[in-house]
C-alpha atoms as a PDB file:
ATOM      1  CA  MET A   1     -25.593 -23.827  51.409  1.00  0.00           C
ATOM      2  CA  THR A   2     -23.339 -24.442  54.394  1.00  0.00           C
ATOM      3  CA  THR A   3     -19.664 -23.520  54.618  1.00  0.00           C
ATOM      4  CA  ARG A   4     -18.766 -27.201  54.396  1.00  0.00           C
ATOM      5  CA  ASP A   5     -20.818 -27.694  51.212  1.00  0.00           C
ATOM      6  CA  THR A   6     -19.248 -24.621  49.588  1.00  0.00           C
ATOM      7  CA  PHE A   7     -15.779 -25.807  50.534  1.00  0.00           C
ATOM      8  CA  MET A   8     -16.389 -29.312  49.184  1.00  0.00           C
ATOM      9  CA  ASP A   9     -17.363 -27.920  45.758  1.00  0.00           C
ATOM     10  CA  TYR A  10     -13.669 -27.211  45.210  1.00  0.00           C
ATOM     11  CA  LEU A  11     -12.568 -30.776  45.905  1.00  0.00           C
ATOM     12  CA  ILE A  12     -11.967 -32.419  42.533  1.00  0.00           C
ATOM     13  CA  GLY A  13     -14.735 -30.208  41.224  1.00  0.00           C
ATOM     14  CA  VAL A  14     -17.536 -32.112  42.962  1.00  0.00           C
ATOM     15  CA  ASP A  15     -19.689 -31.880  46.056  1.00  0.00           C
ATOM     16  CA  TYR A  16     -19.474 -35.333  47.635  1.00  0.00           C
ATOM     17  CA  PHE A  17     -23.085 -35.580  48.673  1.00  0.00           C
ATOM     18  CA  ASN A  18     -24.685 -34.306  45.461  1.00  0.00           C
ATOM     19  CA  ASN A  19     -22.314 -35.012  42.601  1.00  0.00           C
ATOM     20  CA  VAL A  20     -20.055 -37.950  43.415  1.00  0.00           C
ATOM     21  CA  CYS A  21     -22.575 -40.355  41.885  1.00  0.00           C
ATOM     22  CA  LYS A  22     -22.663 -38.258  38.701  1.00  0.00           C
ATOM     23  CA  LEU A  23     -18.848 -38.265  38.638  1.00  0.00           C
ATOM     24  CA  SER A  24     -18.737 -42.034  39.139  1.00  0.00           C
ATOM     25  CA  GLU A  25     -21.322 -42.557  36.405  1.00  0.00           C
ATOM     26  CA  SER A  26     -19.481 -40.362  33.913  1.00  0.00           C
ATOM     27  CA  LEU A  27     -16.169 -42.030  34.710  1.00  0.00           C
ATOM     28  CA  SER A  28     -17.739 -45.484  34.429  1.00  0.00           C
ATOM     29  CA  GLU A  29     -19.344 -44.571  31.111  1.00  0.00           C
ATOM     30  CA  ALA A  30     -16.003 -43.354  29.762  1.00  0.00           C
ATOM     31  CA  ALA A  31     -14.334 -46.519  31.045  1.00  0.00           C
ATOM     32  CA  ARG A  32     -16.865 -48.742  29.258  1.00  0.00           C
ATOM     33  CA  LYS A  33     -16.041 -46.989  25.989  1.00  0.00           C
ATOM     34  CA  ASP A  34     -12.311 -47.599  26.451  1.00  0.00           C
ATOM     35  CA  LYS A  35     -11.577 -51.226  27.344  1.00  0.00           C
ATOM     36  CA  SER A  36      -7.854 -50.597  27.964  1.00  0.00           C
ATOM     37  CA  GLN A  37      -8.560 -48.515  31.047  1.00  0.00           C
ATOM     38  CA  PRO A  38      -6.568 -48.981  34.241  1.00  0.00           C
ATOM     39  CA  TYR A  39      -8.796 -49.670  37.246  1.00  0.00           C
ATOM     40  CA  TYR A  40      -8.905 -46.943  39.877  1.00  0.00           C
ATOM     41  CA  ASN A  41     -10.396 -45.913  43.223  1.00  0.00           C
ATOM     42  CA  ILE A  42     -11.410 -42.429  44.362  1.00  0.00           C
ATOM     43  CA  ILE A  43     -11.108 -42.210  48.147  1.00  0.00           C
ATOM     44  CA  LYS A  44     -12.338 -39.465  50.468  1.00  0.00           C
ATOM     45  CA  VAL A  45      -9.492 -39.178  52.999  1.00  0.00           C
ATOM     46  CA  SER A  46     -10.976 -36.204  54.891  1.00  0.00           C
ATOM     47  CA  ASP A  47     -13.232 -33.220  54.230  1.00  0.00           C
ATOM     48  CA  THR A  48     -10.372 -31.506  52.413  1.00  0.00           C
ATOM     49  CA  GLU A  49      -8.359 -34.429  51.046  1.00  0.00           C
ATOM     50  CA  THR A  50      -9.033 -36.935  48.287  1.00  0.00           C
ATOM     51  CA  ARG A  51      -6.919 -39.754  46.858  1.00  0.00           C
ATOM     52  CA  VAL A  52      -6.999 -41.473  43.485  1.00  0.00           C
ATOM     53  CA  GLU A  53      -5.412 -44.929  43.294  1.00  0.00           C
ATOM     54  CA  MET A  54      -4.746 -46.437  39.868  1.00  0.00           C
ATOM     55  CA  ALA A  55      -3.701 -50.020  39.106  1.00  0.00           C
ATOM     56  CA  VAL A  56      -0.721 -49.630  36.765  1.00  0.00           C
ATOM     57  CA  ALA A  57       1.018 -52.999  37.112  1.00  0.00           C
ATOM     58  CA  GLY A  58       3.821 -53.442  34.607  1.00  0.00           C
ATOM     59  CA  PHE A  59       4.418 -49.701  34.148  1.00  0.00           C
ATOM     60  CA  SER A  60       7.482 -48.056  35.716  1.00  0.00           C
ATOM     61  CA  ARG A  61       7.947 -44.452  36.835  1.00  0.00           C
ATOM     62  CA  GLU A  62       9.601 -43.745  33.490  1.00  0.00           C
ATOM     63  CA  ASP A  63       6.517 -45.041  31.629  1.00  0.00           C
ATOM     64  CA  LEU A  64       4.047 -42.794  33.502  1.00  0.00           C
ATOM     65  CA  THR A  65       3.440 -39.042  33.355  1.00  0.00           C
ATOM     66  CA  VAL A  66       1.184 -37.037  35.658  1.00  0.00           C
ATOM     67  CA  THR A  67       0.376 -33.530  34.415  1.00  0.00           C
ATOM     68  CA  LEU A  68      -1.832 -30.735  35.725  1.00  0.00           C
ATOM     69  CA  SER A  69      -3.000 -28.437  32.913  1.00  0.00           C
ATOM     70  CA  LYS A  70      -5.850 -25.905  33.115  1.00  0.00           C
ATOM     71  CA  ASN A  71      -7.500 -27.621  36.111  1.00  0.00           C
ATOM     72  CA  THR A  72      -7.305 -31.012  34.393  1.00  0.00           C
ATOM     73  CA  LEU A  73      -5.276 -33.860  35.853  1.00  0.00           C
ATOM     74  CA  ILE A  74      -3.847 -35.974  33.034  1.00  0.00           C
ATOM     75  CA  VAL A  75      -2.297 -39.386  33.716  1.00  0.00           C
ATOM     76  CA  GLU A  76      -0.622 -41.074  30.747  1.00  0.00           C
ATOM     77  CA  ALA A  77       1.187 -44.374  30.315  1.00  0.00           C
ATOM     78  CA  LYS A  78       3.475 -45.284  27.432  1.00  0.00           C
ATOM     79  CA  ARG A  79       5.608 -48.355  27.939  1.00  0.00           C
ATOM     80  CA  LYS A  80       8.798 -48.714  25.982  1.00  0.00           C
ATOM     81  CA  GLU A  81       8.797 -52.126  24.307  1.00  0.00           C
ATOM     82  CA  LYS A  82      11.867 -54.309  24.604  1.00  0.00           C
ATOM     83  CA  ASP A  83      13.277 -55.104  21.191  1.00  0.00           C
ATOM     84  CA  GLY A  84      14.034 -58.645  20.176  1.00  0.00           C
ATOM     85  CA  ASN A  85      11.265 -60.429  22.115  1.00  0.00           C
ATOM     86  CA  GLN A  86       9.718 -63.291  20.185  1.00  0.00           C
ATOM     87  CA  TYR A  87       6.318 -64.086  21.726  1.00  0.00           C
ATOM     88  CA  ILE A  88       4.700 -67.492  21.476  1.00  0.00           C
ATOM     89  CA  HIS A  89       1.603 -66.024  23.165  1.00  0.00           C
ATOM     90  CA  ARG A  90       1.082 -62.402  24.138  1.00  0.00           C
ATOM     91  CA  GLY A  91      -1.807 -62.087  26.603  1.00  0.00           C
ATOM     92  CA  ILE A  92      -0.539 -59.088  28.564  1.00  0.00           C
ATOM     93  CA  SER A  93      -1.100 -55.809  26.787  1.00  0.00           C
ATOM     94  CA  PHE A  94       0.794 -52.655  27.637  1.00  0.00           C
ATOM     95  CA  ARG A  95      -1.040 -50.342  25.246  1.00  0.00           C
ATOM     96  CA  PRO A  96      -0.645 -46.628  25.926  1.00  0.00           C
ATOM     97  CA  TRP A  97      -3.557 -44.970  27.727  1.00  0.00           C
ATOM     98  CA  THR A  98      -4.606 -41.562  29.031  1.00  0.00           C
ATOM     99  CA  ARG A  99      -7.012 -40.720  31.882  1.00  0.00           C
ATOM    100  CA  ARG A 100      -8.292 -37.235  32.728  1.00  0.00           C
ATOM    101  CA  TRP A 101     -10.033 -35.750  35.757  1.00  0.00           C
ATOM    102  CA  ARG A 102     -11.321 -32.188  35.991  1.00  0.00           C
ATOM    103  CA  LEU A 103     -10.285 -30.502  39.223  1.00  0.00           C
ATOM    104  CA  GLY A 104     -11.773 -27.546  41.059  1.00  0.00           C
ATOM    105  CA  ASN A 105     -10.040 -24.167  40.885  1.00  0.00           C
ATOM    106  CA  ASN A 106      -8.468 -24.470  44.329  1.00  0.00           C
ATOM    107  CA  VAL A 107      -7.353 -28.097  44.365  1.00  0.00           C
ATOM    108  CA  GLU A 108      -3.659 -28.845  44.794  1.00  0.00           C
ATOM    109  CA  ILE A 109      -1.879 -32.110  44.106  1.00  0.00           C
ATOM    110  CA  THR A 110       0.084 -32.793  47.273  1.00  0.00           C
ATOM    111  CA  ASN A 111       1.719 -36.147  46.569  1.00  0.00           C
ATOM    112  CA  VAL A 112       2.186 -38.693  43.770  1.00  0.00           C
ATOM    113  CA  THR A 113       3.682 -42.126  44.489  1.00  0.00           C
ATOM    114  CA  LEU A 114       4.089 -45.459  42.730  1.00  0.00           C
ATOM    115  CA  ASP A 115       4.279 -48.505  44.967  1.00  0.00           C
ATOM    116  CA  ASN A 116       3.657 -52.172  44.083  1.00  0.00           C
ATOM    117  CA  GLY A 117       1.873 -51.309  40.838  1.00  0.00           C
ATOM    118  CA  ILE A 118      -0.458 -48.719  42.411  1.00  0.00           C
ATOM    119  CA  LEU A 119      -0.141 -45.073  41.364  1.00  0.00           C
ATOM    120  CA  THR A 120      -1.458 -42.868  44.179  1.00  0.00           C
ATOM    121  CA  ILE A 121      -2.334 -39.204  43.651  1.00  0.00           C
ATOM    122  CA  ASP A 122      -3.282 -37.109  46.701  1.00  0.00           C
ATOM    123  CA  PHE A 123      -5.275 -33.878  46.441  1.00  0.00           C
ATOM    124  CA  MET A 124      -6.059 -31.132  48.930  1.00  0.00           C
ATOM    125  CA  ALA A 125      -8.778 -28.520  48.558  1.00  0.00           C
ATOM    126  CA  LYS A 126      -7.840 -24.991  49.579  1.00  0.00           C
ATOM    127  CA  PRO A 127     -10.793 -22.595  49.612  1.00  0.00           C
ATOM    128  CA  PRO A 128     -10.227 -19.118  48.189  1.00  0.00           C
ATOM    129  CA  GLU A 129      -9.696 -16.325  50.719  1.00  0.00           C
ATOM    130  CA  GLY A 130     -13.224 -14.968  50.333  1.00  0.00           C
ATOM    131  CA  MET A 131     -14.763 -18.370  51.054  1.00  0.00           C
ATOM    132  CA  LYS A 132     -12.840 -19.252  54.209  1.00  0.00           C
ATOM    133  CA  PRO A 133     -15.013 -19.152  57.339  1.00  0.00           C
ATOM    134  CA  ILE A 134     -14.382 -16.062  59.443  1.00  0.00           C
ATOM    135  CA  ASN A 135     -14.867 -16.199  63.180  1.00  0.00           C
ATOM    136  CA  ILE A 136     -16.390 -12.983  64.490  1.00  0.00           C
ATOM    137  CA  GLU A 137     -15.773 -12.080  68.095  1.00  0.00           C
ATOM    138  CA  ILE A 138     -18.898 -11.696  70.243  1.00  0.00           C
ATOM    139  CA  LYS A 139     -18.654  -8.656  72.531  1.00  0.00           C
END
């Protein structure tokens, strides 16, 4: 295993070249079971950075929570309904939902933003001290 492969194992708990398809399949399978899912993208920004983009149109900052608990990223949405609305037709649903991603031990969330209905969560992998490459001087 190369240094790069070892380092990538800590990025959202997957090695891009071997496991990203398994991750996509498991996420897709979970999404098929839950029809109220928000759509999302997982983007490789660099060898150490990953981004998750979620379509959360209609939800405000106050309606969304992003939590990191025991290496699990939890994104939840609960919209507060406006009282007194009398709907003739209600085709837009704002049901509460929860999405979870398991992260590697050394993954940090570096930024979370909400812009134009897209929730963006940036991650950075930081290898543990014992796994960082060490340059040895040649004498």
